[in-house]
Amino acid sequence: MQTFAQEAKTESIKLNLSAAALGAATIQYEKVLGNHFSLAIGAGYRLKKLIPYAQKLEKYVDFADNRIDYISFDNVKKTESKIGLFHVTPELRFYFGKKGAPIGTYLSIFGKYNSFHGDVPVFIDIDYKGLPVRLELPVNTKLQSYSGGLMLGRQFRLGNRFTLDWYIIGGHFGTAKVHGESNQNLEGFDDDFRTRLRNKIIETFKINENYLGLVVDNQGVRIDNVRQLNYYNLRGLGFNLGYRF
């Protein structure tokens, strides 16, 4: 049986169908290096817009929320949040079996750079002059992460030129840095209110000040990490349609 390498079709370009369903454009280039190895690099981009299937994704956010020990997302309006992203993912793959690269089951070692940016509305309940008030703040957010991990997948041959690459399951771990700001004019409020607002934000969002620094002043609210943040995520259940050449 001829392998892809023997047929001299050792390169492929792929479109991530799962990412397209979520409004992102993600492509991957893969190059066979030998009988069982290949090198791949992927990149993706998503315009800043509403999160598709936000209500269904809330369960995943709540699951992640319970495992993050420096902030909570309970008071975030998830269905009104707009998120954009850019990512780059290089990976080295080892293909099992006699067919060799790039067909069959594989294990990949990969690195991943993510850059998220978005407009995230939040709400805070606080007393002002003896009256209960709900403040709604639009927060401009940025998150960058650098991580690495392992993933199991399987690539199928579809005819002479096409492939279907199935990301089965994987995980990656690394570090992240965050920045959030809400440029609200708070000059009309006194220092006591700004202090109480800061304390209420910390209480509401369960902010761990060992990791995140919060500033509330006349110009609004700003938050940044003050030490390295751990970042971990899952990768998988994705499908790439490829064309080889």
C-alpha atoms as a PDB file:
ATOM      1  CA  MET A   1       0.000   0.000   0.000  1.00  0.00           C
ATOM      2  CA  GLN A   2       1.366   3.402  -0.930  1.00  0.00           C
ATOM      3  CA  THR A   3       1.747   6.013   1.762  1.00  0.00           C
ATOM      4  CA  PHE A   4       1.253   9.745   1.271  1.00  0.00           C
ATOM      5  CA  ALA A   5       5.021  10.223   1.401  1.00  0.00           C
ATOM      6  CA  GLN A   6       5.510   7.684  -1.402  1.00  0.00           C
ATOM      7  CA  GLU A   7       2.909   9.514  -3.474  1.00  0.00           C
ATOM      8  CA  ALA A   8       4.887  12.743  -2.845  1.00  0.00           C
ATOM      9  CA  LYS A   9       1.773  14.449  -1.492  1.00  0.00           C
ATOM     10  CA  THR A  10       3.347  15.362   1.821  1.00  0.00           C
ATOM     11  CA  GLU A  11       1.623  18.682   2.493  1.00  0.00           C
ATOM     12  CA  SER A  12      -1.939  19.643   3.286  1.00  0.00           C
ATOM     13  CA  ILE A  13      -3.957  22.744   4.080  1.00  0.00           C
ATOM     14  CA  LYS A  14      -7.035  22.433   6.275  1.00  0.00           C
ATOM     15  CA  LEU A  15     -10.098  24.381   7.336  1.00  0.00           C
ATOM     16  CA  ASN A  16     -11.462  23.895  10.843  1.00  0.00           C
ATOM     17  CA  LEU A  17     -15.187  23.197  10.413  1.00  0.00           C
ATOM     18  CA  SER A  18     -15.944  23.317  14.148  1.00  0.00           C
ATOM     19  CA  ALA A  19     -14.401  26.775  14.518  1.00  0.00           C
ATOM     20  CA  ALA A  20     -16.338  28.014  11.472  1.00  0.00           C
ATOM     21  CA  ALA A  21     -19.572  26.987  13.209  1.00  0.00           C
ATOM     22  CA  LEU A  22     -18.572  29.321  16.074  1.00  0.00           C
ATOM     23  CA  GLY A  23     -17.852  32.226  13.747  1.00  0.00           C
ATOM     24  CA  ALA A  24     -14.042  31.849  13.636  1.00  0.00           C
ATOM     25  CA  ALA A  25     -11.740  31.331  10.651  1.00  0.00           C
ATOM     26  CA  THR A  26      -9.080  28.741  11.504  1.00  0.00           C
ATOM     27  CA  ILE A  27      -6.671  27.084   9.098  1.00  0.00           C
ATOM     28  CA  GLN A  28      -3.839  24.599   9.538  1.00  0.00           C
ATOM     29  CA  TYR A  29      -0.846  23.623   7.413  1.00  0.00           C
ATOM     30  CA  GLU A  30       0.674  20.161   7.883  1.00  0.00           C
ATOM     31  CA  LYS A  31       3.958  18.814   6.466  1.00  0.00           C
ATOM     32  CA  VAL A  32       5.014  15.149   6.658  1.00  0.00           C
ATOM     33  CA  LEU A  33       8.566  14.807   8.026  1.00  0.00           C
ATOM     34  CA  GLY A  34       8.945  11.021   7.873  1.00  0.00           C
ATOM     35  CA  ASN A  35       7.117   7.727   8.086  1.00  0.00           C
ATOM     36  CA  HIS A  36       5.437   8.572  11.378  1.00  0.00           C
ATOM     37  CA  PHE A  37       6.052  12.259  12.038  1.00  0.00           C
ATOM     38  CA  SER A  38       4.605  15.507  10.793  1.00  0.00           C
ATOM     39  CA  LEU A  39       4.785  19.166  11.708  1.00  0.00           C
ATOM     40  CA  ALA A  40       1.636  21.297  11.721  1.00  0.00           C
ATOM     41  CA  ILE A  41       0.901  24.917  12.437  1.00  0.00           C
ATOM     42  CA  GLY A  42      -2.547  26.431  12.807  1.00  0.00           C
ATOM     43  CA  ALA A  43      -3.836  29.967  13.168  1.00  0.00           C
ATOM     44  CA  GLY A  44      -7.281  31.382  13.779  1.00  0.00           C
ATOM     45  CA  TYR A  45      -9.100  34.678  14.039  1.00  0.00           C
ATOM     46  CA  ARG A  46     -12.532  35.735  15.201  1.00  0.00           C
ATOM     47  CA  LEU A  47     -13.990  39.218  14.999  1.00  0.00           C
ATOM     48  CA  LYS A  48     -15.249  40.698  18.244  1.00  0.00           C
ATOM     49  CA  LYS A  49     -18.932  39.779  18.343  1.00  0.00           C
ATOM     50  CA  LEU A  50     -21.558  38.040  20.446  1.00  0.00           C
ATOM     51  CA  ILE A  51     -20.707  34.552  21.608  1.00  0.00           C
ATOM     52  CA  PRO A  52     -22.720  31.959  19.653  1.00  0.00           C
ATOM     53  CA  TYR A  53     -24.700  29.463  21.724  1.00  0.00           C
ATOM     54  CA  ALA A  54     -23.900  31.595  24.808  1.00  0.00           C
ATOM     55  CA  GLN A  55     -26.761  30.165  26.866  1.00  0.00           C
ATOM     56  CA  LYS A  56     -25.614  26.611  26.210  1.00  0.00           C
ATOM     57  CA  LEU A  57     -22.001  27.534  26.984  1.00  0.00           C
ATOM     58  CA  GLU A  58     -22.937  28.968  30.376  1.00  0.00           C
ATOM     59  CA  LYS A  59     -22.696  25.507  31.931  1.00  0.00           C
ATOM     60  CA  TYR A  60     -19.106  25.226  30.714  1.00  0.00           C
ATOM     61  CA  VAL A  61     -18.318  28.714  32.065  1.00  0.00           C
ATOM     62  CA  ASP A  62     -19.850  27.791  35.422  1.00  0.00           C
ATOM     63  CA  PHE A  63     -17.788  24.581  35.458  1.00  0.00           C
ATOM     64  CA  ALA A  64     -14.595  26.552  34.795  1.00  0.00           C
ATOM     65  CA  ASP A  65     -15.636  29.237  37.277  1.00  0.00           C
ATOM     66  CA  ASN A  66     -15.620  26.736  40.122  1.00  0.00           C
ATOM     67  CA  ARG A  67     -11.999  25.850  39.342  1.00  0.00           C
ATOM     68  CA  ILE A  68     -10.553  29.373  39.098  1.00  0.00           C
ATOM     69  CA  ASP A  69      -9.344  30.608  42.466  1.00  0.00           C
ATOM     70  CA  TYR A  70      -8.782  34.287  41.700  1.00  0.00           C
ATOM     71  CA  ILE A  71     -12.035  35.577  40.141  1.00  0.00           C
ATOM     72  CA  SER A  72     -15.697  34.637  39.601  1.00  0.00           C
ATOM     73  CA  PHE A  73     -17.884  35.286  36.541  1.00  0.00           C
ATOM     74  CA  ASP A  74     -21.293  35.031  38.221  1.00  0.00           C
ATOM     75  CA  ASN A  75     -22.186  38.682  37.609  1.00  0.00           C
ATOM     76  CA  VAL A  76     -21.071  38.745  33.980  1.00  0.00           C
ATOM     77  CA  LYS A  77     -23.792  39.098  31.340  1.00  0.00           C
ATOM     78  CA  LYS A  78     -22.527  36.239  29.222  1.00  0.00           C
ATOM     79  CA  THR A  79     -25.235  36.397  26.554  1.00  0.00           C
ATOM     80  CA  GLU A  80     -24.431  40.092  25.942  1.00  0.00           C
ATOM     81  CA  SER A  81     -20.642  39.706  25.906  1.00  0.00           C
ATOM     82  CA  LYS A  82     -18.692  40.248  22.701  1.00  0.00           C
ATOM     83  CA  ILE A  83     -15.458  38.297  22.342  1.00  0.00           C
ATOM     84  CA  GLY A  84     -12.805  38.247  19.619  1.00  0.00           C
ATOM     85  CA  LEU A  85      -9.681  36.106  19.451  1.00  0.00           C
ATOM     86  CA  PHE A  86      -6.462  35.317  17.650  1.00  0.00           C
ATOM     87  CA  HIS A  87      -4.444  32.146  18.185  1.00  0.00           C
ATOM     88  CA  VAL A  88      -1.412  30.300  16.828  1.00  0.00           C
ATOM     89  CA  THR A  89      -0.866  26.575  17.446  1.00  0.00           C
ATOM     90  CA  PRO A  90       2.337  24.775  16.353  1.00  0.00           C
ATOM     91  CA  GLU A  91       2.427  21.024  16.912  1.00  0.00           C
ATOM     92  CA  LEU A  92       4.538  17.930  16.321  1.00  0.00           C
ATOM     93  CA  ARG A  93       2.580  14.764  15.558  1.00  0.00           C
ATOM     94  CA  PHE A  94       3.445  11.090  15.872  1.00  0.00           C
ATOM     95  CA  TYR A  95       1.215   8.743  13.826  1.00  0.00           C
ATOM     96  CA  PHE A  96       0.701   5.186  15.023  1.00  0.00           C
ATOM     97  CA  GLY A  97       0.134   2.200  12.740  1.00  0.00           C
ATOM     98  CA  LYS A  98       1.486   0.915   9.452  1.00  0.00           C
ATOM     99  CA  LYS A  99      -0.025   3.592   7.201  1.00  0.00           C
ATOM    100  CA  GLY A 100       2.185   6.238   8.691  1.00  0.00           C
ATOM    101  CA  ALA A 101       1.892   9.985   8.530  1.00  0.00           C
ATOM    102  CA  PRO A 102      -0.480  11.638   7.966  1.00  0.00           C
ATOM    103  CA  ILE A 103      -3.176   8.926   8.155  1.00  0.00           C
ATOM    104  CA  GLY A 104      -4.478   7.190  11.249  1.00  0.00           C
ATOM    105  CA  THR A 105      -4.383   7.817  14.974  1.00  0.00           C
ATOM    106  CA  TYR A 106      -1.831  10.330  16.214  1.00  0.00           C
ATOM    107  CA  LEU A 107      -0.520  11.930  19.377  1.00  0.00           C
ATOM    108  CA  SER A 108       0.494  15.567  19.127  1.00  0.00           C
ATOM    109  CA  ILE A 109       2.667  17.728  21.331  1.00  0.00           C
ATOM    110  CA  PHE A 110       1.605  21.323  20.831  1.00  0.00           C
ATOM    111  CA  GLY A 111       2.078  24.862  21.993  1.00  0.00           C
ATOM    112  CA  LYS A 112      -0.665  27.466  21.916  1.00  0.00           C
ATOM    113  CA  TYR A 113      -0.800  31.246  22.010  1.00  0.00           C
ATOM    114  CA  ASN A 114      -4.215  32.821  22.595  1.00  0.00           C
ATOM    115  CA  SER A 115      -5.177  36.479  22.543  1.00  0.00           C
ATOM    116  CA  PHE A 116      -8.748  37.236  23.595  1.00  0.00           C
ATOM    117  CA  HIS A 117     -10.284  40.705  23.522  1.00  0.00           C
ATOM    118  CA  GLY A 118     -13.839  41.686  24.251  1.00  0.00           C
ATOM    119  CA  ASP A 119     -16.561  43.904  25.655  1.00  0.00           C
ATOM    120  CA  VAL A 120     -18.002  42.250  28.734  1.00  0.00           C
ATOM    121  CA  PRO A 121     -20.926  43.882  30.590  1.00  0.00           C
ATOM    122  CA  VAL A 122     -21.030  43.241  34.335  1.00  0.00           C
ATOM    123  CA  PHE A 123     -23.399  44.339  37.097  1.00  0.00           C
ATOM    124  CA  ILE A 124     -22.859  45.214  40.755  1.00  0.00           C
ATOM    125  CA  ASP A 125     -25.483  45.785  43.456  1.00  0.00           C
ATOM    126  CA  ILE A 126     -24.508  48.508  45.942  1.00  0.00           C
ATOM    127  CA  ASP A 127     -26.121  51.107  48.228  1.00  0.00           C
ATOM    128  CA  TYR A 128     -25.838  54.788  47.282  1.00  0.00           C
ATOM    129  CA  LYS A 129     -27.140  57.415  49.714  1.00  0.00           C
ATOM    130  CA  GLY A 130     -29.189  54.750  51.455  1.00  0.00           C
ATOM    131  CA  LEU A 131     -30.788  53.417  48.286  1.00  0.00           C
ATOM    132  CA  PRO A 132     -30.049  50.090  46.563  1.00  0.00           C
ATOM    133  CA  VAL A 133     -28.495  50.688  43.120  1.00  0.00           C
ATOM    134  CA  ARG A 134     -27.498  48.285  40.371  1.00  0.00           C
ATOM    135  CA  LEU A 135     -24.457  49.551  38.488  1.00  0.00           C
ATOM    136  CA  GLU A 136     -23.908  48.120  35.011  1.00  0.00           C
ATOM    137  CA  LEU A 137     -20.342  48.539  33.767  1.00  0.00           C
ATOM    138  CA  PRO A 138     -19.093  47.767  30.253  1.00  0.00           C
ATOM    139  CA  VAL A 139     -15.644  46.232  30.718  1.00  0.00           C
ATOM    140  CA  ASN A 140     -13.052  46.157  27.960  1.00  0.00           C
ATOM    141  CA  THR A 141     -11.041  42.984  28.530  1.00  0.00           C
ATOM    142  CA  LYS A 142      -7.828  41.457  27.212  1.00  0.00           C
ATOM    143  CA  LEU A 143      -6.371  38.058  28.011  1.00  0.00           C
ATOM    144  CA  GLN A 144      -3.192  36.525  26.607  1.00  0.00           C
ATOM    145  CA  SER A 145      -2.129  32.970  27.335  1.00  0.00           C
ATOM    146  CA  TYR A 146       0.870  30.788  26.536  1.00  0.00           C
ATOM    147  CA  SER A 147       0.417  27.066  27.022  1.00  0.00           C
ATOM    148  CA  GLY A 148       1.503  23.614  25.927  1.00  0.00           C
ATOM    149  CA  GLY A 149      -0.021  20.161  26.031  1.00  0.00           C
ATOM    150  CA  LEU A 150      -0.880  16.841  24.427  1.00  0.00           C
ATOM    151  CA  MET A 151      -3.741  15.839  22.155  1.00  0.00           C
ATOM    152  CA  LEU A 152      -5.027  12.582  20.705  1.00  0.00           C
ATOM    153  CA  GLY A 153      -6.575  12.660  17.236  1.00  0.00           C
ATOM    154  CA  ARG A 154      -7.236  10.664  14.104  1.00  0.00           C
ATOM    155  CA  GLN A 155      -6.954  11.654  10.453  1.00  0.00           C
ATOM    156  CA  PHE A 156      -8.947   9.904   7.733  1.00  0.00           C
ATOM    157  CA  ARG A 157      -8.292   9.789   4.018  1.00  0.00           C
ATOM    158  CA  LEU A 158     -11.188  10.944   1.839  1.00  0.00           C
ATOM    159  CA  GLY A 159     -10.412   9.962  -1.718  1.00  0.00           C
ATOM    160  CA  ASN A 160      -7.193  10.924  -3.440  1.00  0.00           C
ATOM    161  CA  ARG A 161      -6.837  14.532  -2.295  1.00  0.00           C
ATOM    162  CA  PHE A 162      -8.906  15.152   0.827  1.00  0.00           C
ATOM    163  CA  THR A 163      -8.624  14.299   4.501  1.00  0.00           C
ATOM    164  CA  LEU A 164     -10.760  14.643   7.617  1.00  0.00           C
ATOM    165  CA  ASP A 165      -8.743  15.428  10.724  1.00  0.00           C
ATOM    166  CA  TRP A 166     -10.586  14.701  13.987  1.00  0.00           C
ATOM    167  CA  TYR A 167      -9.286  16.303  17.182  1.00  0.00           C
ATOM    168  CA  ILE A 168     -10.484  13.759  19.753  1.00  0.00           C
ATOM    169  CA  ILE A 169      -9.321  15.093  23.124  1.00  0.00           C
ATOM    170  CA  GLY A 170      -6.415  16.919  24.692  1.00  0.00           C
ATOM    171  CA  GLY A 171      -5.427  19.361  27.370  1.00  0.00           C
ATOM    172  CA  HIS A 172      -2.975  22.211  27.726  1.00  0.00           C
ATOM    173  CA  PHE A 173      -1.558  24.157  30.639  1.00  0.00           C
ATOM    174  CA  GLY A 174       0.349  27.420  30.865  1.00  0.00           C
ATOM    175  CA  THR A 175       0.268  31.000  32.032  1.00  0.00           C
ATOM    176  CA  ALA A 176      -1.937  34.010  31.339  1.00  0.00           C
ATOM    177  CA  LYS A 177      -2.041  37.737  31.830  1.00  0.00           C
ATOM    178  CA  VAL A 178      -5.240  39.777  31.977  1.00  0.00           C
ATOM    179  CA  HIS A 179      -6.315  43.384  31.772  1.00  0.00           C
ATOM    180  CA  GLY A 180      -9.784  44.823  32.202  1.00  0.00           C
ATOM    181  CA  GLU A 181     -10.998  48.396  32.331  1.00  0.00           C
ATOM    182  CA  SER A 182     -14.273  50.275  32.509  1.00  0.00           C
ATOM    183  CA  ASN A 183     -13.707  53.935  31.739  1.00  0.00           C
ATOM    184  CA  GLN A 184     -16.618  55.375  33.683  1.00  0.00           C
ATOM    185  CA  ASN A 185     -16.472  58.933  34.975  1.00  0.00           C
ATOM    186  CA  LEU A 186     -16.691  58.572  38.765  1.00  0.00           C
ATOM    187  CA  GLU A 187     -15.757  62.160  39.611  1.00  0.00           C
ATOM    188  CA  GLY A 188     -19.306  62.842  40.796  1.00  0.00           C
ATOM    189  CA  PHE A 189     -18.952  60.319  43.617  1.00  0.00           C
ATOM    190  CA  ASP A 190     -17.059  60.853  46.863  1.00  0.00           C
ATOM    191  CA  ASP A 191     -14.064  58.868  48.099  1.00  0.00           C
ATOM    192  CA  ASP A 192     -16.230  56.854  50.491  1.00  0.00           C
ATOM    193  CA  PHE A 193     -18.418  55.590  47.654  1.00  0.00           C
ATOM    194  CA  ARG A 194     -15.402  54.702  45.492  1.00  0.00           C
ATOM    195  CA  THR A 195     -13.898  52.766  48.402  1.00  0.00           C
ATOM    196  CA  ARG A 196     -17.152  50.918  49.014  1.00  0.00           C
ATOM    197  CA  LEU A 197     -17.460  50.238  45.269  1.00  0.00           C
ATOM    198  CA  ARG A 198     -13.977  48.739  45.212  1.00  0.00           C
ATOM    199  CA  ASN A 199     -14.784  46.515  48.196  1.00  0.00           C
ATOM    200  CA  LYS A 200     -18.091  45.486  46.608  1.00  0.00           C
ATOM    201  CA  ILE A 201     -16.376  44.553  43.331  1.00  0.00           C
ATOM    202  CA  ILE A 202     -13.879  42.397  45.242  1.00  0.00           C
ATOM    203  CA  GLU A 203     -16.715  40.718  47.162  1.00  0.00           C
ATOM    204  CA  THR A 204     -18.995  40.245  44.136  1.00  0.00           C
ATOM    205  CA  PHE A 205     -16.372  38.829  41.798  1.00  0.00           C
ATOM    206  CA  LYS A 206     -14.429  37.005  44.538  1.00  0.00           C
ATOM    207  CA  ILE A 207     -11.224  38.721  43.458  1.00  0.00           C
ATOM    208  CA  ASN A 208      -8.092  37.260  45.028  1.00  0.00           C
ATOM    209  CA  GLU A 209      -5.791  40.249  45.505  1.00  0.00           C
ATOM    210  CA  ASN A 210      -2.781  37.953  45.698  1.00  0.00           C
ATOM    211  CA  TYR A 211      -3.273  37.499  41.938  1.00  0.00           C
ATOM    212  CA  LEU A 212      -5.233  40.528  40.700  1.00  0.00           C
ATOM    213  CA  GLY A 213      -4.851  44.217  41.433  1.00  0.00           C
ATOM    214  CA  LEU A 214      -7.956  46.425  41.362  1.00  0.00           C
ATOM    215  CA  VAL A 215      -7.975  50.223  41.030  1.00  0.00           C
ATOM    216  CA  VAL A 216     -11.127  52.356  41.384  1.00  0.00           C
ATOM    217  CA  ASP A 217     -10.632  56.102  40.860  1.00  0.00           C
ATOM    218  CA  ASN A 218     -12.178  59.101  39.097  1.00  0.00           C
ATOM    219  CA  GLN A 219     -11.451  57.577  35.676  1.00  0.00           C
ATOM    220  CA  GLY A 220     -13.211  54.289  36.368  1.00  0.00           C
ATOM    221  CA  VAL A 221     -12.214  50.722  37.201  1.00  0.00           C
ATOM    222  CA  ARG A 222      -9.096  48.826  36.136  1.00  0.00           C
ATOM    223  CA  ILE A 223      -7.859  45.327  36.914  1.00  0.00           C
ATOM    224  CA  ASP A 224      -4.538  43.625  36.081  1.00  0.00           C
ATOM    225  CA  ASN A 225      -2.740  40.545  37.271  1.00  0.00           C
ATOM    226  CA  VAL A 226       0.004  41.247  39.811  1.00  0.00           C
ATOM    227  CA  ARG A 227       1.580  37.798  39.546  1.00  0.00           C
ATOM    228  CA  GLN A 228       1.619  34.865  37.146  1.00  0.00           C
ATOM    229  CA  LEU A 229      -1.792  33.310  36.532  1.00  0.00           C
ATOM    230  CA  ASN A 230      -2.246  29.631  35.763  1.00  0.00           C
ATOM    231  CA  TYR A 231      -4.139  28.834  32.580  1.00  0.00           C
ATOM    232  CA  TYR A 232      -5.513  25.461  31.534  1.00  0.00           C
ATOM    233  CA  ASN A 233      -8.016  24.392  28.927  1.00  0.00           C
ATOM    234  CA  LEU A 234      -9.250  21.489  26.850  1.00  0.00           C
ATOM    235  CA  ARG A 235      -8.718  20.971  23.141  1.00  0.00           C
ATOM    236  CA  GLY A 236     -10.710  18.499  21.105  1.00  0.00           C
ATOM    237  CA  LEU A 237     -14.006  17.537  19.478  1.00  0.00           C
ATOM    238  CA  GLY A 238     -12.957  19.473  16.376  1.00  0.00           C
ATOM    239  CA  PHE A 239     -12.922  18.581  12.692  1.00  0.00           C
ATOM    240  CA  ASN A 240     -10.577  19.823   9.965  1.00  0.00           C
ATOM    241  CA  LEU A 241     -11.310  19.279   6.290  1.00  0.00           C
ATOM    242  CA  GLY A 242      -7.992  19.062   4.457  1.00  0.00           C
ATOM    243  CA  TYR A 243      -6.656  19.208   0.913  1.00  0.00           C
ATOM    244  CA  ARG A 244      -3.283  17.542   0.283  1.00  0.00           C
ATOM    245  CA  PHE A 245      -0.760  18.353  -2.375  1.00  0.00           C
END
